[in-house]
Each structure stands twice: as C-alpha cells, then as structure tokens.
Amino acid sequence: MSEALADGRPVVALESAIVTHGLPRPRNLEVAWQAEEAVREGGAVPATIALIAGEVRVGLDEDALKEVSNRQDVVKCGVRDLAPLAARGGFGGTTVAATAHLAARAGIRVFATGGLGGVHRGARESWDVSADLTTLARTNIVVVCSGVKSILDVGATLERLETLNVTVLGFGTDRFAGFYLSDSGHPVPWRVDSVGEVAGVVRARASVDTEGGGVVVANPLSIDDQLDPSLHDRVLVEGMAAAEAAGVTGKDVTPFLLDHLSRETGGASLEANVRLVLRNARLAAEIAAELAT
C-alpha cells in the first residue's frame, strides 16, 4: 500500500469496524475480502485499517484480516480510543471517524464505508451525536457511503453536517441515501452524476480554500436492491422500543438495532448492508482512480 501511494496510484481506505462489529462471523471475513476485491475491480488498491497488537495498520495482509475478523477481544475503536488501545497493545476495529483520521494521516484521499454515524434519535435529551461528524469537519477526505444509518435522525444529521461545513453530494440522485433505503426522505444539497463530477468538486476545493474538511458522497441502493420500506419502518420502530425496554443506551444502541433488524427481516437487512458496502467500495475506487489522473 505504501508503494502504491508513493507511486501515485489510487488507494481506497476501508474501515474494519464493519468487519469486527458490523457483520456476523464468518460472513464478516467474506465481505471484507469482497470489499477489497471490489476496490481492485474499480482500479484502486484497497487499504483496510485496524489496530493489530497496538500498532496502526493501514492495509492488512491476509493473516491480519483473519485475526481481527475472528478475535473476541477486538475493541470498536473511535479516534479517542486510538491512544489508549495502542498503549495497551490491543486490537481495534476502526470506526468511520478513526478510519478517516488514520487514512488522511497516511495520505489516502478516498474512503469507502457503509453508513455514517450521526445524530441519534432523542439527542435533545441524550446528546448522543457520533464523532464521525466532527471528525469529517476537520479531515480532508472523500467518504463514499450510503448516507447515514437509518436508525438515526437523518434530518438532524444533515443539519449538523451543514453547520460543520461538510460538503454532501448525492451520486446520481437528488435525494439523500437512506442506508437500507434508496431515499431517506431528505434532499441532498448537490447532485453529481459521474466520478468526473465528484473529482471536479474535490479539485475545486483548493481554489476556494475548503480543504480542511471532508466530502460525503452519498451513494444510494437501487430501488430493486433496497430493503422493503414498510418492513424497514415497522421493524425499526419495534427495535427502538425493544432497546428502550432493555435499557440499551449510547454506542450499544446501533449494534442492538442492526441485530434486531437482521433477525426480524429474516436476514434481508444484512444482505442489503452487504450490497451497499460493495457498491460503495467500487464507486470509491473509481473516484480514487479519477483523482489520480
């Protein structure tokens, strides 16, 4: 990976928290390999990021990827967790925030993930807002995602991204992607219809001095690939009620709801999650290749 960067070849960062905490074993390792292959097919070099025995790894070999996929003691690691985990020699699956931070530090310009974190429902009382947003406000990187996780307050998250001056683009759509759904119910500020247009936006940032923060490229699932909207809405409401009844709060809410959605949709939400991860990896690679020309 370091040779690819030195040679000016396109590189795409991939987060490892999807692998360590977002998908069930052994499917997690299969999808990790598939995401890396999607990046290669798109014309770029994949660089999955994780902490291995306290060491930041930007680009995992086969053994390291297997290890973080199978270990039981891997910590879901945000930016604030990097130093304590490194000091203890631990293993960490990096979130969107931590991956973006480490990727930019390594000189990687494009990052692919599933969905961003954001403002949680009920944040007026809990103040529960993902560090993904503030990290993107100060990190010069392009993040290809399928919007924010649909369990969040999408409208409030978009407002927060505006406040933080994070550029948001809709790829091939005027609507903001809804993770499992093609349409979150909210418009995007700007639409782009090609990787060339995305690259043009990224290059123009230098001329207007807005390279201090990130660019979000929201890449929706097609109508045919999305989760059935009525099923999604019903199961999500049931899941939030179950989380409240079980006293689940903070960072534990997201994995609880994702697991509930997977079980109650008969695995359909999991398959939609896999589809969007692979689509985003391929698009990120194409953007990285365009930026490298």
Protein backbone atom coordinates (compact mmCIF):
# COMPACT_ATOMS: atom_id res chain seq x y z
CA MET A 1 0.00 0.00 0.00
CA SER A 2 2.80 2.47 0.87
CA GLU A 3 4.39 1.72 -2.51
CA ALA A 4 1.09 2.47 -4.24
CA LEU A 5 0.85 5.85 -2.51
CA ALA A 6 4.50 6.65 -3.29
CA ASP A 7 3.88 5.80 -6.95
CA GLY A 8 0.78 7.98 -7.10
CA ARG A 9 -1.57 5.04 -7.66
CA PRO A 10 -5.16 5.30 -6.39
CA VAL A 11 -5.76 3.88 -2.90
CA VAL A 12 -9.07 3.44 -1.06
CA ALA A 13 -9.30 3.10 2.72
CA LEU A 14 -11.77 0.60 4.20
CA GLU A 15 -12.92 0.59 7.79
CA SER A 16 -12.56 -2.53 9.93
CA ALA A 17 -15.38 -1.92 12.42
CA ILE A 18 -17.78 -3.27 9.78
CA VAL A 19 -15.76 -6.47 9.86
CA THR A 20 -15.23 -6.68 13.62
CA HIS A 21 -18.60 -5.44 14.88
CA GLY A 22 -21.00 -4.89 11.97
CA LEU A 23 -21.36 -8.34 10.42
CA PRO A 24 -21.74 -11.85 11.86
CA ARG A 25 -18.96 -14.44 11.67
CA PRO A 26 -17.91 -15.96 9.28
CA ARG A 27 -19.71 -13.66 6.83
CA ASN A 28 -17.64 -10.72 8.08
CA LEU A 29 -14.40 -12.07 6.66
CA GLU A 30 -16.03 -13.00 3.36
CA VAL A 31 -17.38 -9.46 2.95
CA ALA A 32 -14.02 -7.94 3.93
CA TRP A 33 -12.36 -9.87 1.11
CA GLN A 34 -15.19 -8.99 -1.29
CA ALA A 35 -14.88 -5.27 -0.44
CA GLU A 36 -11.14 -5.35 -1.11
CA GLU A 37 -11.79 -7.13 -4.42
CA ALA A 38 -14.42 -4.53 -5.37
CA VAL A 39 -11.80 -1.82 -4.85
CA ARG A 40 -9.36 -3.68 -7.09
CA GLU A 41 -12.03 -4.13 -9.76
CA GLY A 42 -12.64 -0.37 -9.63
CA GLY A 43 -8.98 0.29 -10.39
CA ALA A 44 -7.55 1.08 -6.95
CA VAL A 45 -5.54 -0.52 -4.15
CA PRO A 46 -7.53 -1.45 -1.00
CA ALA A 47 -6.23 -0.45 2.43
CA THR A 48 -8.27 -1.89 5.29
CA ILE A 49 -7.32 -0.09 8.51
CA ALA A 50 -7.16 -1.59 12.02
CA LEU A 51 -5.06 -1.77 15.18
CA ILE A 52 -3.11 -5.01 15.44
CA ALA A 53 -1.42 -5.65 18.81
CA GLY A 54 -1.33 -1.90 19.46
CA GLU A 55 0.05 -1.00 16.05
CA VAL A 56 -1.88 1.03 13.49
CA ARG A 57 -2.02 -0.93 10.23
CA VAL A 58 -3.03 0.87 7.07
CA GLY A 59 -3.53 -2.08 4.76
CA LEU A 60 -3.96 -5.56 6.24
CA ASP A 61 -2.42 -8.74 4.90
CA GLU A 62 -4.46 -11.93 4.83
CA ASP A 63 -3.36 -13.10 8.29
CA ALA A 64 -4.13 -9.75 9.95
CA LEU A 65 -7.55 -9.54 8.32
CA LYS A 66 -8.37 -13.05 9.51
CA GLU A 67 -7.19 -12.20 13.02
CA VAL A 68 -9.34 -9.09 13.51
CA SER A 69 -12.29 -10.92 11.93
CA ASN A 70 -12.11 -13.83 14.37
CA ARG A 71 -10.80 -12.47 17.68
CA GLN A 72 -13.29 -11.96 20.50
CA ASP A 73 -11.37 -9.12 22.19
CA VAL A 74 -11.33 -6.59 19.34
CA VAL A 75 -12.43 -3.13 20.52
CA LYS A 76 -14.65 -0.88 18.41
CA CYS A 77 -12.25 2.00 18.14
CA GLY A 78 -13.01 5.69 17.57
CA VAL A 79 -10.41 8.46 17.41
CA ARG A 80 -10.44 8.95 21.17
CA ASP A 81 -9.72 5.24 21.70
CA LEU A 82 -6.65 5.03 19.46
CA ALA A 83 -4.03 6.11 22.02
CA PRO A 84 -5.29 4.03 25.00
CA LEU A 85 -5.66 0.94 22.83
CA ALA A 86 -2.24 1.41 21.25
CA ALA A 87 -0.67 1.85 24.70
CA ARG A 88 -2.21 -1.43 25.87
CA GLY A 89 -1.21 -3.35 22.77
CA GLY A 90 -4.83 -4.10 21.92
CA PHE A 91 -6.74 -4.96 18.77
CA GLY A 92 -9.16 -2.43 17.32
CA GLY A 93 -11.73 -2.27 14.57
CA THR A 94 -11.72 1.33 13.39
CA THR A 95 -14.96 3.29 13.03
CA VAL A 96 -15.66 5.83 10.28
CA ALA A 97 -14.06 8.56 12.38
CA ALA A 98 -10.92 6.61 13.26
CA THR A 99 -10.53 5.25 9.73
CA ALA A 100 -10.90 8.70 8.18
CA HIS A 101 -8.37 10.14 10.64
CA LEU A 102 -5.78 7.41 10.03
CA ALA A 103 -6.35 7.29 6.27
CA ALA A 104 -5.82 11.04 5.86
CA ARG A 105 -2.74 10.82 8.08
CA ALA A 106 -1.35 8.19 5.70
CA GLY A 107 -2.08 10.34 2.65
CA ILE A 108 -5.15 8.43 1.41
CA ARG A 109 -7.74 10.69 -0.23
CA VAL A 110 -10.77 8.36 -0.57
CA PHE A 111 -12.52 6.13 1.95
CA ALA A 112 -15.46 3.73 1.50
CA THR A 113 -17.86 2.64 4.21
CA GLY A 114 -21.45 1.51 4.68
CA GLY A 115 -23.23 4.31 6.52
CA LEU A 116 -22.05 7.27 8.57
CA GLY A 117 -22.82 7.74 12.22
CA GLY A 118 -24.80 10.84 13.05
CA VAL A 119 -27.32 12.44 15.38
CA HIS A 120 -29.25 9.81 17.31
CA ARG A 121 -32.98 10.00 17.79
CA GLY A 122 -33.70 11.68 21.09
CA ALA A 123 -30.36 13.52 21.04
CA ARG A 124 -32.00 16.57 22.66
CA GLU A 125 -32.03 14.57 25.87
CA SER A 126 -29.06 12.24 25.41
CA TRP A 127 -26.65 14.50 23.46
CA ASP A 128 -25.74 11.34 21.54
CA VAL A 129 -24.02 12.52 18.36
CA SER A 130 -21.42 10.43 16.53
CA ALA A 131 -17.82 11.60 16.42
CA ASP A 132 -17.93 10.76 12.71
CA LEU A 133 -19.41 14.19 12.05
CA THR A 134 -16.86 16.33 13.88
CA THR A 135 -14.01 14.24 12.51
CA LEU A 136 -15.23 14.79 8.95
CA ALA A 137 -15.41 18.51 9.65
CA ARG A 138 -11.62 18.62 10.11
CA THR A 139 -10.39 15.78 7.91
CA ASN A 140 -9.61 16.26 4.23
CA ILE A 141 -11.00 13.04 2.77
CA VAL A 142 -13.74 11.86 0.41
CA VAL A 143 -16.11 9.40 2.09
CA VAL A 144 -18.33 7.24 -0.10
CA CYS A 145 -21.28 5.93 1.91
CA SER A 146 -24.98 5.10 1.65
CA GLY A 147 -25.99 8.08 3.75
CA VAL A 148 -26.28 7.68 7.49
CA LYS A 149 -27.62 4.62 9.26
CA SER A 150 -31.40 4.68 9.01
CA ILE A 151 -31.79 4.14 12.74
CA LEU A 152 -30.56 7.73 13.27
CA ASP A 153 -32.20 11.15 12.98
CA VAL A 154 -31.32 11.78 9.33
CA GLY A 155 -32.69 15.32 9.15
CA ALA A 156 -30.79 16.43 12.24
CA THR A 157 -27.63 14.77 10.93
CA LEU A 158 -27.85 16.68 7.64
CA GLU A 159 -28.34 19.92 9.59
CA ARG A 160 -25.27 19.12 11.66
CA LEU A 161 -23.20 18.39 8.55
CA GLU A 162 -24.24 21.77 7.17
CA THR A 163 -23.22 23.50 10.38
CA LEU A 164 -19.84 21.77 10.22
CA ASN A 165 -19.33 22.81 6.56
CA VAL A 166 -19.07 19.22 5.32
CA THR A 167 -19.83 19.03 1.58
CA VAL A 168 -22.59 16.49 0.81
CA LEU A 169 -23.10 15.14 -2.72
CA GLY A 170 -25.80 12.77 -3.96
CA PHE A 171 -24.42 10.36 -6.55
CA GLY A 172 -26.94 10.07 -9.38
CA THR A 173 -29.78 11.34 -7.21
CA ASP A 174 -31.37 14.45 -5.75
CA ARG A 175 -32.31 12.54 -2.60
CA PHE A 176 -30.09 11.67 0.33
CA ALA A 177 -29.44 7.92 0.53
CA GLY A 178 -31.23 6.15 3.38
CA PHE A 179 -28.76 3.31 4.06
CA TYR A 180 -31.08 0.29 3.72
CA LEU A 181 -33.43 2.52 1.70
CA SER A 182 -32.80 4.38 -1.55
CA ASP A 183 -34.36 7.58 -0.22
CA SER A 184 -34.07 8.82 3.34
CA GLY A 185 -36.87 11.31 2.76
CA HIS A 186 -34.46 14.24 2.58
CA PRO A 187 -32.91 16.09 -0.39
CA VAL A 188 -29.18 16.43 -0.99
CA PRO A 189 -27.63 19.90 -1.34
CA TRP A 190 -25.78 18.91 -4.52
CA ARG A 191 -26.18 16.20 -7.14
CA VAL A 192 -23.33 14.65 -9.17
CA ASP A 193 -23.82 12.12 -11.95
CA SER A 194 -20.30 10.86 -12.65
CA VAL A 195 -16.97 10.21 -10.96
CA GLY A 196 -15.62 13.04 -13.09
CA GLU A 197 -18.06 15.46 -11.43
CA VAL A 198 -17.03 14.20 -7.99
CA ALA A 199 -13.37 14.70 -8.85
CA GLY A 200 -14.15 18.18 -10.16
CA VAL A 201 -15.71 19.14 -6.83
CA VAL A 202 -12.74 17.74 -4.91
CA ARG A 203 -10.24 19.60 -7.09
CA ALA A 204 -12.19 22.86 -6.89
CA ARG A 205 -11.88 22.84 -3.10
CA ALA A 206 -8.27 24.01 -3.36
CA SER A 207 -9.28 27.16 -5.27
CA VAL A 208 -11.78 28.20 -2.60
CA ASP A 209 -9.71 27.02 0.39
CA THR A 210 -12.21 24.48 1.75
CA GLU A 211 -9.87 21.50 2.00
CA GLY A 212 -9.92 21.48 5.79
CA GLY A 213 -12.93 19.18 5.93
CA GLY A 214 -14.41 16.19 4.18
CA VAL A 215 -16.67 15.45 1.23
CA VAL A 216 -19.52 12.96 1.68
CA VAL A 217 -20.62 11.15 -1.47
CA ALA A 218 -24.00 9.55 -0.71
CA ASN A 219 -24.44 6.53 -3.00
CA PRO A 220 -27.94 5.04 -2.74
CA LEU A 221 -29.01 1.47 -3.27
CA SER A 222 -31.24 1.00 -6.31
CA ILE A 223 -34.98 0.61 -5.77
CA ASP A 224 -34.66 -3.09 -6.55
CA ASP A 225 -31.82 -3.60 -4.05
CA GLN A 226 -33.24 -1.67 -1.11
CA LEU A 227 -34.98 -3.22 1.88
CA ASP A 228 -38.77 -3.12 1.65
CA PRO A 229 -39.60 0.34 3.12
CA SER A 230 -42.73 -0.73 5.02
CA LEU A 231 -40.91 -3.71 6.55
CA HIS A 232 -37.95 -1.48 7.44
CA ASP A 233 -40.12 1.12 9.18
CA ARG A 234 -42.13 -1.42 11.17
CA VAL A 235 -39.13 -3.41 12.36
CA LEU A 236 -37.17 -0.25 13.22
CA VAL A 237 -39.98 1.06 15.46
CA GLU A 238 -40.18 -2.32 17.18
CA GLY A 239 -36.40 -2.40 17.62
CA MET A 240 -36.23 1.06 19.20
CA ALA A 241 -38.95 0.06 21.65
CA ALA A 242 -37.06 -3.15 22.47
CA ALA A 243 -33.82 -1.22 23.02
CA GLU A 244 -35.54 1.19 25.41
CA ALA A 245 -37.18 -1.65 27.32
CA ALA A 246 -33.82 -3.43 27.66
CA GLY A 247 -32.08 -0.26 28.85
CA VAL A 248 -29.69 -0.21 25.89
CA THR A 249 -28.05 3.20 25.51
CA GLY A 250 -25.09 5.00 23.89
CA LYS A 251 -22.82 3.17 21.47
CA ASP A 252 -24.62 -0.12 22.24
CA VAL A 253 -27.82 1.07 20.54
CA THR A 254 -26.52 0.78 16.97
CA PRO A 255 -25.37 -2.87 17.11
CA PHE A 256 -28.54 -3.78 19.05
CA LEU A 257 -30.80 -2.28 16.39
CA LEU A 258 -28.80 -3.67 13.48
CA ASP A 259 -29.01 -7.14 15.01
CA HIS A 260 -32.74 -6.72 15.61
CA LEU A 261 -33.28 -5.61 12.01
CA SER A 262 -31.34 -8.59 10.68
CA ARG A 263 -33.29 -11.10 12.77
CA GLU A 264 -36.73 -9.61 12.20
CA THR A 265 -36.25 -9.18 8.43
CA GLY A 266 -35.02 -12.74 8.03
CA GLY A 267 -31.55 -11.53 7.08
CA ALA A 268 -32.80 -9.17 4.37
CA SER A 269 -31.28 -6.13 6.08
CA LEU A 270 -27.92 -7.92 6.33
CA GLU A 271 -27.95 -8.66 2.60
CA ALA A 272 -28.83 -5.03 1.82
CA ASN A 273 -25.94 -3.96 4.06
CA VAL A 274 -23.53 -6.20 2.15
CA ARG A 275 -24.77 -4.89 -1.21
CA LEU A 276 -24.26 -1.27 -0.24
CA VAL A 277 -20.80 -1.88 1.22
CA LEU A 278 -19.61 -3.48 -2.02
CA ARG A 279 -21.23 -0.79 -4.20
CA ASN A 280 -19.55 1.92 -2.18
CA ALA A 281 -16.16 0.21 -2.35
CA ARG A 282 -16.38 0.01 -6.15
CA LEU A 283 -17.51 3.65 -6.53
CA ALA A 284 -14.78 4.86 -4.15
CA ALA A 285 -12.18 3.06 -6.25
CA GLU A 286 -13.45 4.71 -9.43
CA ILE A 287 -13.32 8.13 -7.76
CA ALA A 288 -9.80 7.48 -6.46
CA ALA A 289 -8.70 6.41 -9.95
CA GLU A 290 -10.17 9.57 -11.45
CA LEU A 291 -8.43 11.75 -8.87
CA ALA A 292 -5.13 10.02 -9.62
CA THR A 293 -5.22 11.00 -13.33
